[in-house]
Amino acid sequence: MKDFEVFQNIEELDSESKYLVHKAKEATAHAYAPYSKFQVGAALMLDDGTVVTGSNQENASYPLCMCAERVALYTAATLHPGKKMTKLAVVAHKKNHKELTPATSCGACRQVMLEFEHRQNMPMQVIQLAKTNEWILTKGTGSLLPFDFSGENLLAV
């Protein structure tokens, strides 16, 4: 059983997914990326239809940067406690370019997404543009991080 679907172009996605991709692309305008020139946006759908966006925020000390996905997730958890996160779209483009470039979430973001999925005891779909220029829609974050680390690992002492 596949944990994700592959779409050749954005028009094949469902309307909610296309809307989130559009909102994520809008969020790239708020990215602070003076070093990488790589603007990333994320749009997160909550179970009540609320959309929370985030953009990457760089720092001259690279370890202090924050990815768009985590900005959106942490913002949603803070401003909308108790709401379930149903779907997350992540897009990227190079500065001064309109066309999206393939970019999937880093390992740290995948781990944070998985933690939120565990917290809410419900899967969260993820939409991303893969290296093959195909859109990937996961059924949950587990397909992005199949050998996860969770609170259960900490209890297995």
N, C-alpha and C. Protein backbone atom coordinates (compact mmCIF):
# COMPACT_ATOMS: atom_id res chain seq x y z
N MET A 1 0.84 -1.18 0.00
CA MET A 1 0.00 0.00 0.00
C MET A 1 0.89 1.25 0.00
N LYS A 2 0.66 2.14 -0.96
CA LYS A 2 1.42 3.38 -1.06
C LYS A 2 0.93 4.39 -0.04
N ASP A 3 1.89 5.09 0.55
CA ASP A 3 1.56 6.11 1.53
C ASP A 3 1.50 7.49 0.92
N PHE A 4 1.61 7.57 -0.41
CA PHE A 4 1.58 8.86 -1.08
C PHE A 4 1.08 8.70 -2.50
N GLU A 5 0.64 9.82 -3.07
CA GLU A 5 0.22 9.86 -4.46
C GLU A 5 1.14 10.80 -5.21
N VAL A 6 1.34 10.53 -6.49
CA VAL A 6 2.19 11.36 -7.34
C VAL A 6 1.32 11.98 -8.43
N PHE A 7 1.51 13.29 -8.64
CA PHE A 7 0.75 14.03 -9.66
C PHE A 7 1.74 14.70 -10.60
N GLN A 8 1.49 14.60 -11.87
CA GLN A 8 2.40 15.14 -12.87
C GLN A 8 2.43 16.66 -12.90
N ASN A 9 1.29 17.28 -12.57
CA ASN A 9 1.25 18.75 -12.53
C ASN A 9 0.25 19.19 -11.47
N ILE A 10 0.34 20.45 -11.15
CA ILE A 10 -0.48 20.99 -10.06
C ILE A 10 -1.98 20.90 -10.35
N GLU A 11 -2.34 20.94 -11.60
CA GLU A 11 -3.77 20.89 -11.97
C GLU A 11 -4.42 19.57 -11.60
N GLU A 12 -3.64 18.54 -11.40
CA GLU A 12 -4.17 17.23 -11.02
C GLU A 12 -4.51 17.13 -9.54
N LEU A 13 -4.00 18.06 -8.74
CA LEU A 13 -4.28 18.05 -7.29
C LEU A 13 -5.73 18.44 -7.02
N ASP A 14 -6.24 18.02 -5.86
CA ASP A 14 -7.58 18.43 -5.45
C ASP A 14 -7.59 19.94 -5.17
N SER A 15 -8.76 20.55 -5.13
CA SER A 15 -8.86 22.00 -5.00
C SER A 15 -8.27 22.51 -3.68
N GLU A 16 -8.44 21.79 -2.58
CA GLU A 16 -7.88 22.21 -1.31
C GLU A 16 -6.35 22.23 -1.37
N SER A 17 -5.77 21.21 -1.98
CA SER A 17 -4.31 21.14 -2.10
C SER A 17 -3.79 22.27 -2.98
N LYS A 18 -4.46 22.55 -4.08
CA LYS A 18 -4.05 23.66 -4.95
C LYS A 18 -4.12 24.99 -4.21
N TYR A 19 -5.17 25.16 -3.42
CA TYR A 19 -5.32 26.38 -2.63
C TYR A 19 -4.17 26.53 -1.64
N LEU A 20 -3.82 25.44 -0.96
CA LEU A 20 -2.71 25.50 0.00
C LEU A 20 -1.38 25.78 -0.69
N VAL A 21 -1.17 25.21 -1.86
CA VAL A 21 0.06 25.49 -2.61
C VAL A 21 0.11 26.97 -2.95
N HIS A 22 -1.03 27.53 -3.37
CA HIS A 22 -1.11 28.96 -3.68
C HIS A 22 -0.77 29.80 -2.44
N LYS A 23 -1.35 29.45 -1.29
CA LYS A 23 -1.08 30.19 -0.06
C LYS A 23 0.39 30.04 0.37
N ALA A 24 0.95 28.89 0.17
CA ALA A 24 2.37 28.67 0.50
C ALA A 24 3.25 29.52 -0.41
N LYS A 25 2.87 29.60 -1.68
CA LYS A 25 3.65 30.44 -2.61
C LYS A 25 3.56 31.90 -2.19
N GLU A 26 2.39 32.36 -1.78
CA GLU A 26 2.25 33.74 -1.28
C GLU A 26 3.15 33.97 -0.07
N ALA A 27 3.27 32.96 0.79
CA ALA A 27 4.07 33.10 2.01
C ALA A 27 5.56 33.27 1.70
N THR A 28 6.01 32.81 0.54
CA THR A 28 7.43 32.97 0.20
C THR A 28 7.83 34.44 0.14
N ALA A 29 6.88 35.32 -0.10
CA ALA A 29 7.17 36.76 -0.16
C ALA A 29 7.65 37.29 1.19
N HIS A 30 7.37 36.56 2.27
CA HIS A 30 7.76 37.00 3.60
C HIS A 30 9.04 36.31 4.10
N ALA A 31 9.64 35.51 3.22
CA ALA A 31 10.87 34.82 3.61
C ALA A 31 12.00 35.83 3.81
N TYR A 32 12.83 35.54 4.78
CA TYR A 32 14.04 36.32 5.00
C TYR A 32 15.20 35.38 4.64
N ALA A 33 15.69 35.51 3.41
CA ALA A 33 16.69 34.58 2.90
C ALA A 33 17.82 35.33 2.19
N PRO A 34 18.50 36.26 2.89
CA PRO A 34 19.55 37.04 2.24
C PRO A 34 20.81 36.24 1.91
N TYR A 35 20.97 35.08 2.52
CA TYR A 35 22.19 34.29 2.32
C TYR A 35 21.99 33.22 1.25
N SER A 36 20.95 32.43 1.37
CA SER A 36 20.72 31.35 0.41
C SER A 36 19.97 31.82 -0.83
N LYS A 37 19.22 32.91 -0.71
CA LYS A 37 18.35 33.40 -1.79
C LYS A 37 17.31 32.33 -2.18
N PHE A 38 17.00 31.46 -1.24
CA PHE A 38 16.07 30.35 -1.45
C PHE A 38 14.86 30.61 -0.56
N GLN A 39 13.77 31.04 -1.17
CA GLN A 39 12.58 31.43 -0.42
C GLN A 39 11.59 30.27 -0.32
N VAL A 40 11.24 29.93 0.90
CA VAL A 40 10.36 28.79 1.16
C VAL A 40 9.11 29.29 1.86
N GLY A 41 7.98 28.76 1.46
CA GLY A 41 6.71 29.08 2.09
C GLY A 41 5.96 27.82 2.45
N ALA A 42 5.20 27.88 3.53
CA ALA A 42 4.38 26.75 3.96
C ALA A 42 2.99 27.26 4.28
N ALA A 43 2.00 26.44 3.99
CA ALA A 43 0.61 26.76 4.34
C ALA A 43 0.00 25.53 4.99
N LEU A 44 -0.55 25.74 6.16
CA LEU A 44 -1.08 24.65 6.98
C LEU A 44 -2.58 24.82 7.14
N MET A 45 -3.33 23.77 6.82
CA MET A 45 -4.79 23.78 6.98
C MET A 45 -5.15 23.14 8.31
N LEU A 46 -5.98 23.84 9.08
CA LEU A 46 -6.48 23.30 10.34
C LEU A 46 -7.86 22.69 10.13
N ASP A 47 -8.30 21.90 11.07
CA ASP A 47 -9.55 21.16 10.90
C ASP A 47 -10.78 22.05 10.80
N ASP A 48 -10.67 23.32 11.18
CA ASP A 48 -11.82 24.23 11.05
C ASP A 48 -11.72 25.09 9.79
N GLY A 49 -10.74 24.79 8.92
CA GLY A 49 -10.57 25.54 7.68
C GLY A 49 -9.60 26.71 7.76
N THR A 50 -9.14 27.02 8.96
CA THR A 50 -8.16 28.10 9.12
C THR A 50 -6.86 27.71 8.41
N VAL A 51 -6.23 28.68 7.75
CA VAL A 51 -4.95 28.47 7.11
C VAL A 51 -3.90 29.32 7.83
N VAL A 52 -2.82 28.68 8.22
CA VAL A 52 -1.70 29.35 8.88
C VAL A 52 -0.50 29.21 7.96
N THR A 53 0.19 30.31 7.71
CA THR A 53 1.35 30.25 6.82
C THR A 53 2.64 30.53 7.58
N GLY A 54 3.73 30.17 6.94
CA GLY A 54 5.06 30.42 7.48
C GLY A 54 6.05 30.56 6.35
N SER A 55 7.16 31.21 6.62
CA SER A 55 8.23 31.34 5.63
C SER A 55 9.57 31.14 6.32
N ASN A 56 10.57 30.75 5.55
CA ASN A 56 11.88 30.53 6.16
C ASN A 56 12.48 31.84 6.62
N GLN A 57 13.20 31.77 7.73
CA GLN A 57 13.82 32.92 8.35
C GLN A 57 15.29 32.58 8.62
N GLU A 58 16.18 33.17 7.84
CA GLU A 58 17.60 32.85 7.96
C GLU A 58 18.29 33.74 9.00
N ASN A 59 19.50 33.34 9.33
CA ASN A 59 20.32 34.06 10.28
C ASN A 59 21.77 33.89 9.82
N ALA A 60 22.60 34.88 10.05
CA ALA A 60 24.01 34.77 9.66
C ALA A 60 24.66 33.56 10.34
N SER A 61 24.18 33.19 11.51
CA SER A 61 24.61 31.96 12.17
C SER A 61 23.62 30.87 11.73
N TYR A 62 23.98 30.14 10.69
CA TYR A 62 23.04 29.21 10.06
C TYR A 62 22.27 28.28 10.99
N PRO A 63 22.87 27.74 12.05
CA PRO A 63 22.06 26.86 12.90
C PRO A 63 20.85 27.55 13.54
N LEU A 64 20.83 28.86 13.52
CA LEU A 64 19.72 29.59 14.13
C LEU A 64 18.59 29.88 13.15
N CYS A 65 18.71 29.42 11.92
CA CYS A 65 17.65 29.61 10.92
C CYS A 65 16.42 28.79 11.31
N MET A 66 15.28 29.19 10.76
CA MET A 66 14.05 28.44 10.99
C MET A 66 13.36 28.20 9.66
N CYS A 67 13.01 26.95 9.42
CA CYS A 67 12.35 26.56 8.17
C CYS A 67 10.88 27.00 8.18
N ALA A 68 10.32 27.20 7.00
CA ALA A 68 8.93 27.64 6.84
C ALA A 68 7.95 26.68 7.49
N GLU A 69 8.22 25.39 7.37
CA GLU A 69 7.31 24.39 7.92
C GLU A 69 7.17 24.55 9.43
N ARG A 70 8.32 24.70 10.11
CA ARG A 70 8.28 24.81 11.56
C ARG A 70 7.67 26.14 12.00
N VAL A 71 7.91 27.21 11.24
CA VAL A 71 7.28 28.49 11.55
C VAL A 71 5.76 28.32 11.53
N ALA A 72 5.23 27.69 10.48
CA ALA A 72 3.77 27.49 10.37
C ALA A 72 3.25 26.57 11.47
N LEU A 73 3.93 25.47 11.73
CA LEU A 73 3.47 24.52 12.75
C LEU A 73 3.46 25.14 14.14
N TYR A 74 4.54 25.81 14.51
CA TYR A 74 4.61 26.41 15.84
C TYR A 74 3.62 27.56 15.99
N THR A 75 3.43 28.32 14.92
CA THR A 75 2.45 29.41 14.96
C THR A 75 1.04 28.86 15.17
N ALA A 76 0.71 27.80 14.42
CA ALA A 76 -0.62 27.20 14.56
C ALA A 76 -0.83 26.66 15.97
N ALA A 77 0.18 26.00 16.52
CA ALA A 77 0.05 25.44 17.87
C ALA A 77 -0.13 26.53 18.91
N THR A 78 0.50 27.67 18.69
CA THR A 78 0.42 28.78 19.63
C THR A 78 -0.88 29.56 19.51
N LEU A 79 -1.26 29.88 18.28
CA LEU A 79 -2.46 30.71 18.07
C LEU A 79 -3.77 29.94 18.03
N HIS A 80 -3.69 28.64 17.75
CA HIS A 80 -4.90 27.82 17.61
C HIS A 80 -4.76 26.52 18.40
N PRO A 81 -4.54 26.59 19.71
CA PRO A 81 -4.36 25.37 20.49
C PRO A 81 -5.60 24.48 20.42
N GLY A 82 -5.34 23.20 20.31
CA GLY A 82 -6.44 22.24 20.27
C GLY A 82 -6.96 21.96 18.88
N LYS A 83 -6.60 22.78 17.89
CA LYS A 83 -7.05 22.54 16.52
C LYS A 83 -6.14 21.47 15.90
N LYS A 84 -6.73 20.61 15.10
CA LYS A 84 -5.96 19.57 14.43
C LYS A 84 -5.43 20.09 13.11
N MET A 85 -4.25 19.66 12.78
CA MET A 85 -3.58 20.05 11.53
C MET A 85 -3.86 18.96 10.51
N THR A 86 -4.51 19.33 9.40
CA THR A 86 -4.93 18.31 8.45
C THR A 86 -4.04 18.20 7.20
N LYS A 87 -3.50 19.33 6.75
CA LYS A 87 -2.72 19.30 5.51
C LYS A 87 -1.72 20.44 5.50
N LEU A 88 -0.52 20.15 4.98
CA LEU A 88 0.56 21.13 4.92
C LEU A 88 1.15 21.14 3.52
N ALA A 89 1.20 22.32 2.89
CA ALA A 89 1.85 22.48 1.59
C ALA A 89 3.14 23.25 1.78
N VAL A 90 4.20 22.81 1.11
CA VAL A 90 5.50 23.46 1.20
C VAL A 90 6.01 23.69 -0.22
N VAL A 91 6.40 24.94 -0.51
CA VAL A 91 6.94 25.28 -1.83
C VAL A 91 8.18 26.15 -1.68
N ALA A 92 8.94 26.24 -2.76
CA ALA A 92 10.15 27.06 -2.73
C ALA A 92 10.44 27.61 -4.12
N HIS A 93 11.16 28.72 -4.14
CA HIS A 93 11.67 29.25 -5.39
C HIS A 93 12.91 30.08 -5.08
N LYS A 94 13.69 30.29 -6.10
CA LYS A 94 14.87 31.13 -5.93
C LYS A 94 14.44 32.59 -6.00
N LYS A 95 15.16 33.45 -5.28
CA LYS A 95 14.82 34.87 -5.24
C LYS A 95 14.73 35.42 -6.66
N ASN A 96 13.71 36.23 -6.89
CA ASN A 96 13.45 36.87 -8.19
C ASN A 96 13.05 35.90 -9.29
N HIS A 97 12.67 34.69 -8.94
CA HIS A 97 12.13 33.71 -9.89
C HIS A 97 10.69 33.43 -9.49
N LYS A 98 9.82 33.33 -10.46
CA LYS A 98 8.42 33.05 -10.15
C LYS A 98 8.13 31.56 -10.13
N GLU A 99 8.84 30.79 -10.96
CA GLU A 99 8.54 29.36 -11.02
C GLU A 99 9.06 28.65 -9.78
N LEU A 100 8.28 27.70 -9.33
CA LEU A 100 8.65 26.93 -8.15
C LEU A 100 9.77 25.96 -8.49
N THR A 101 10.61 25.70 -7.51
CA THR A 101 11.68 24.75 -7.68
C THR A 101 11.43 23.56 -6.75
N PRO A 102 11.80 22.37 -7.17
CA PRO A 102 11.60 21.22 -6.28
C PRO A 102 12.32 21.41 -4.96
N ALA A 103 11.63 21.12 -3.88
CA ALA A 103 12.20 21.20 -2.54
C ALA A 103 11.30 20.44 -1.58
N THR A 104 11.89 19.49 -0.89
CA THR A 104 11.12 18.77 0.12
C THR A 104 11.67 19.13 1.50
N SER A 105 10.91 18.83 2.50
CA SER A 105 11.25 19.21 3.87
C SER A 105 12.53 18.55 4.36
N CYS A 106 13.28 19.29 5.16
CA CYS A 106 14.50 18.75 5.76
C CYS A 106 14.13 17.73 6.85
N GLY A 107 15.12 17.01 7.32
CA GLY A 107 14.89 16.00 8.34
C GLY A 107 14.33 16.56 9.63
N ALA A 108 14.83 17.72 10.05
CA ALA A 108 14.33 18.33 11.28
C ALA A 108 12.84 18.65 11.16
N CYS A 109 12.44 19.21 10.03
CA CYS A 109 11.02 19.53 9.83
C CYS A 109 10.17 18.27 9.79
N ARG A 110 10.68 17.23 9.15
CA ARG A 110 9.94 15.96 9.09
C ARG A 110 9.71 15.42 10.50
N GLN A 111 10.73 15.52 11.35
CA GLN A 111 10.59 15.04 12.73
C GLN A 111 9.56 15.87 13.49
N VAL A 112 9.58 17.19 13.30
CA VAL A 112 8.62 18.06 13.99
C VAL A 112 7.20 17.78 13.48
N MET A 113 7.03 17.61 12.17
CA MET A 113 5.72 17.27 11.61
C MET A 113 5.20 15.98 12.24
N LEU A 114 6.07 15.00 12.34
CA LEU A 114 5.67 13.71 12.90
C LEU A 114 5.26 13.84 14.36
N GLU A 115 5.97 14.67 15.11
CA GLU A 115 5.62 14.89 16.52
C GLU A 115 4.23 15.51 16.64
N PHE A 116 3.93 16.49 15.77
CA PHE A 116 2.60 17.09 15.80
C PHE A 116 1.54 16.06 15.42
N GLU A 117 1.85 15.21 14.47
CA GLU A 117 0.91 14.16 14.08
C GLU A 117 0.65 13.22 15.26
N HIS A 118 1.69 12.85 15.99
CA HIS A 118 1.52 12.00 17.18
C HIS A 118 0.70 12.73 18.24
N ARG A 119 0.98 14.02 18.45
CA ARG A 119 0.26 14.80 19.47
C ARG A 119 -1.24 14.84 19.20
N GLN A 120 -1.60 14.98 17.95
CA GLN A 120 -3.02 15.09 17.63
C GLN A 120 -3.67 13.75 17.32
N ASN A 121 -2.86 12.69 17.31
CA ASN A 121 -3.36 11.33 17.05
C ASN A 121 -4.19 11.27 15.77
N MET A 122 -3.67 11.96 14.75
CA MET A 122 -4.34 12.01 13.46
C MET A 122 -3.30 12.35 12.39
N PRO A 123 -3.36 11.69 11.24
CA PRO A 123 -2.38 12.00 10.20
C PRO A 123 -2.57 13.40 9.62
N MET A 124 -1.48 13.93 9.12
CA MET A 124 -1.48 15.23 8.44
C MET A 124 -0.90 15.00 7.05
N GLN A 125 -1.66 15.32 6.02
CA GLN A 125 -1.17 15.18 4.66
C GLN A 125 -0.12 16.26 4.38
N VAL A 126 0.83 15.93 3.49
CA VAL A 126 1.87 16.88 3.12
C VAL A 126 1.97 16.92 1.60
N ILE A 127 2.03 18.14 1.05
CA ILE A 127 2.15 18.35 -0.39
C ILE A 127 3.49 19.03 -0.66
N GLN A 128 4.29 18.43 -1.56
CA GLN A 128 5.59 19.00 -1.89
C GLN A 128 5.92 18.71 -3.35
N LEU A 129 6.78 19.53 -3.90
CA LEU A 129 7.26 19.34 -5.27
C LEU A 129 8.57 18.58 -5.21
N ALA A 130 8.58 17.36 -5.72
CA ALA A 130 9.76 16.49 -5.65
C ALA A 130 10.79 16.85 -6.72
N LYS A 131 11.99 16.27 -6.59
CA LYS A 131 13.08 16.51 -7.55
C LYS A 131 12.68 16.18 -8.98
N THR A 132 11.73 15.28 -9.13
CA THR A 132 11.27 14.86 -10.46
C THR A 132 10.27 15.85 -11.07
N ASN A 133 10.05 16.98 -10.38
CA ASN A 133 9.04 17.97 -10.78
C ASN A 133 7.63 17.42 -10.75
N GLU A 134 7.41 16.44 -9.92
CA GLU A 134 6.08 15.88 -9.69
C GLU A 134 5.63 16.30 -8.30
N TRP A 135 4.33 16.50 -8.16
CA TRP A 135 3.76 16.84 -6.86
C TRP A 135 3.51 15.56 -6.08
N ILE A 136 3.93 15.56 -4.84
CA ILE A 136 3.74 14.42 -3.96
C ILE A 136 2.73 14.82 -2.89
N LEU A 137 1.71 13.99 -2.70
CA LEU A 137 0.72 14.20 -1.65
C LEU A 137 0.76 12.96 -0.76
N THR A 138 1.27 13.14 0.46
CA THR A 138 1.37 12.01 1.39
C THR A 138 0.07 11.84 2.15
N LYS A 139 -0.15 10.63 2.63
CA LYS A 139 -1.32 10.36 3.47
C LYS A 139 -1.05 10.74 4.92
N GLY A 140 0.22 10.91 5.24
CA GLY A 140 0.64 11.29 6.59
C GLY A 140 2.14 11.52 6.58
N THR A 141 2.66 12.04 7.66
CA THR A 141 4.09 12.36 7.69
C THR A 141 4.96 11.13 7.85
N GLY A 142 4.39 10.02 8.27
CA GLY A 142 5.16 8.79 8.42
C GLY A 142 5.83 8.35 7.13
N SER A 143 5.23 8.66 5.99
CA SER A 143 5.85 8.27 4.72
C SER A 143 7.08 9.12 4.41
N LEU A 144 7.19 10.30 5.06
CA LEU A 144 8.38 11.14 4.89
C LEU A 144 9.50 10.74 5.84
N LEU A 145 9.13 10.07 6.91
CA LEU A 145 10.10 9.67 7.93
C LEU A 145 9.67 8.30 8.47
N PRO A 146 9.90 7.23 7.68
CA PRO A 146 9.35 5.93 8.05
C PRO A 146 9.92 5.31 9.33
N PHE A 147 11.14 5.65 9.69
CA PHE A 147 11.73 5.10 10.91
C PHE A 147 11.83 6.22 11.94
N ASP A 148 10.68 6.54 12.48
CA ASP A 148 10.56 7.73 13.32
C ASP A 148 11.13 7.55 14.71
N PHE A 149 11.37 8.68 15.33
CA PHE A 149 11.77 8.76 16.74
C PHE A 149 10.65 9.48 17.44
N SER A 150 10.11 8.88 18.48
CA SER A 150 9.00 9.51 19.20
C SER A 150 9.19 9.38 20.70
N GLY A 151 8.24 9.87 21.45
CA GLY A 151 8.27 9.77 22.89
C GLY A 151 8.35 8.34 23.37
N GLU A 152 7.82 7.42 22.57
CA GLU A 152 7.88 5.99 22.93
C GLU A 152 9.33 5.53 23.04
N ASN A 153 10.21 6.06 22.19
CA ASN A 153 11.62 5.70 22.26
C ASN A 153 12.22 6.10 23.61
N LEU A 154 11.79 7.21 24.14
CA LEU A 154 12.32 7.69 25.41
C LEU A 154 11.85 6.85 26.58
N LEU A 155 10.70 6.21 26.42
CA LEU A 155 10.15 5.38 27.48
C LEU A 155 10.68 3.95 27.43
N ALA A 156 11.36 3.59 26.36
CA ALA A 156 11.82 2.21 26.16
C ALA A 156 13.17 1.95 26.82
N VAL A 157 13.38 2.51 27.99
CA VAL A 157 14.66 2.35 28.70
C VAL A 157 14.66 1.09 29.52
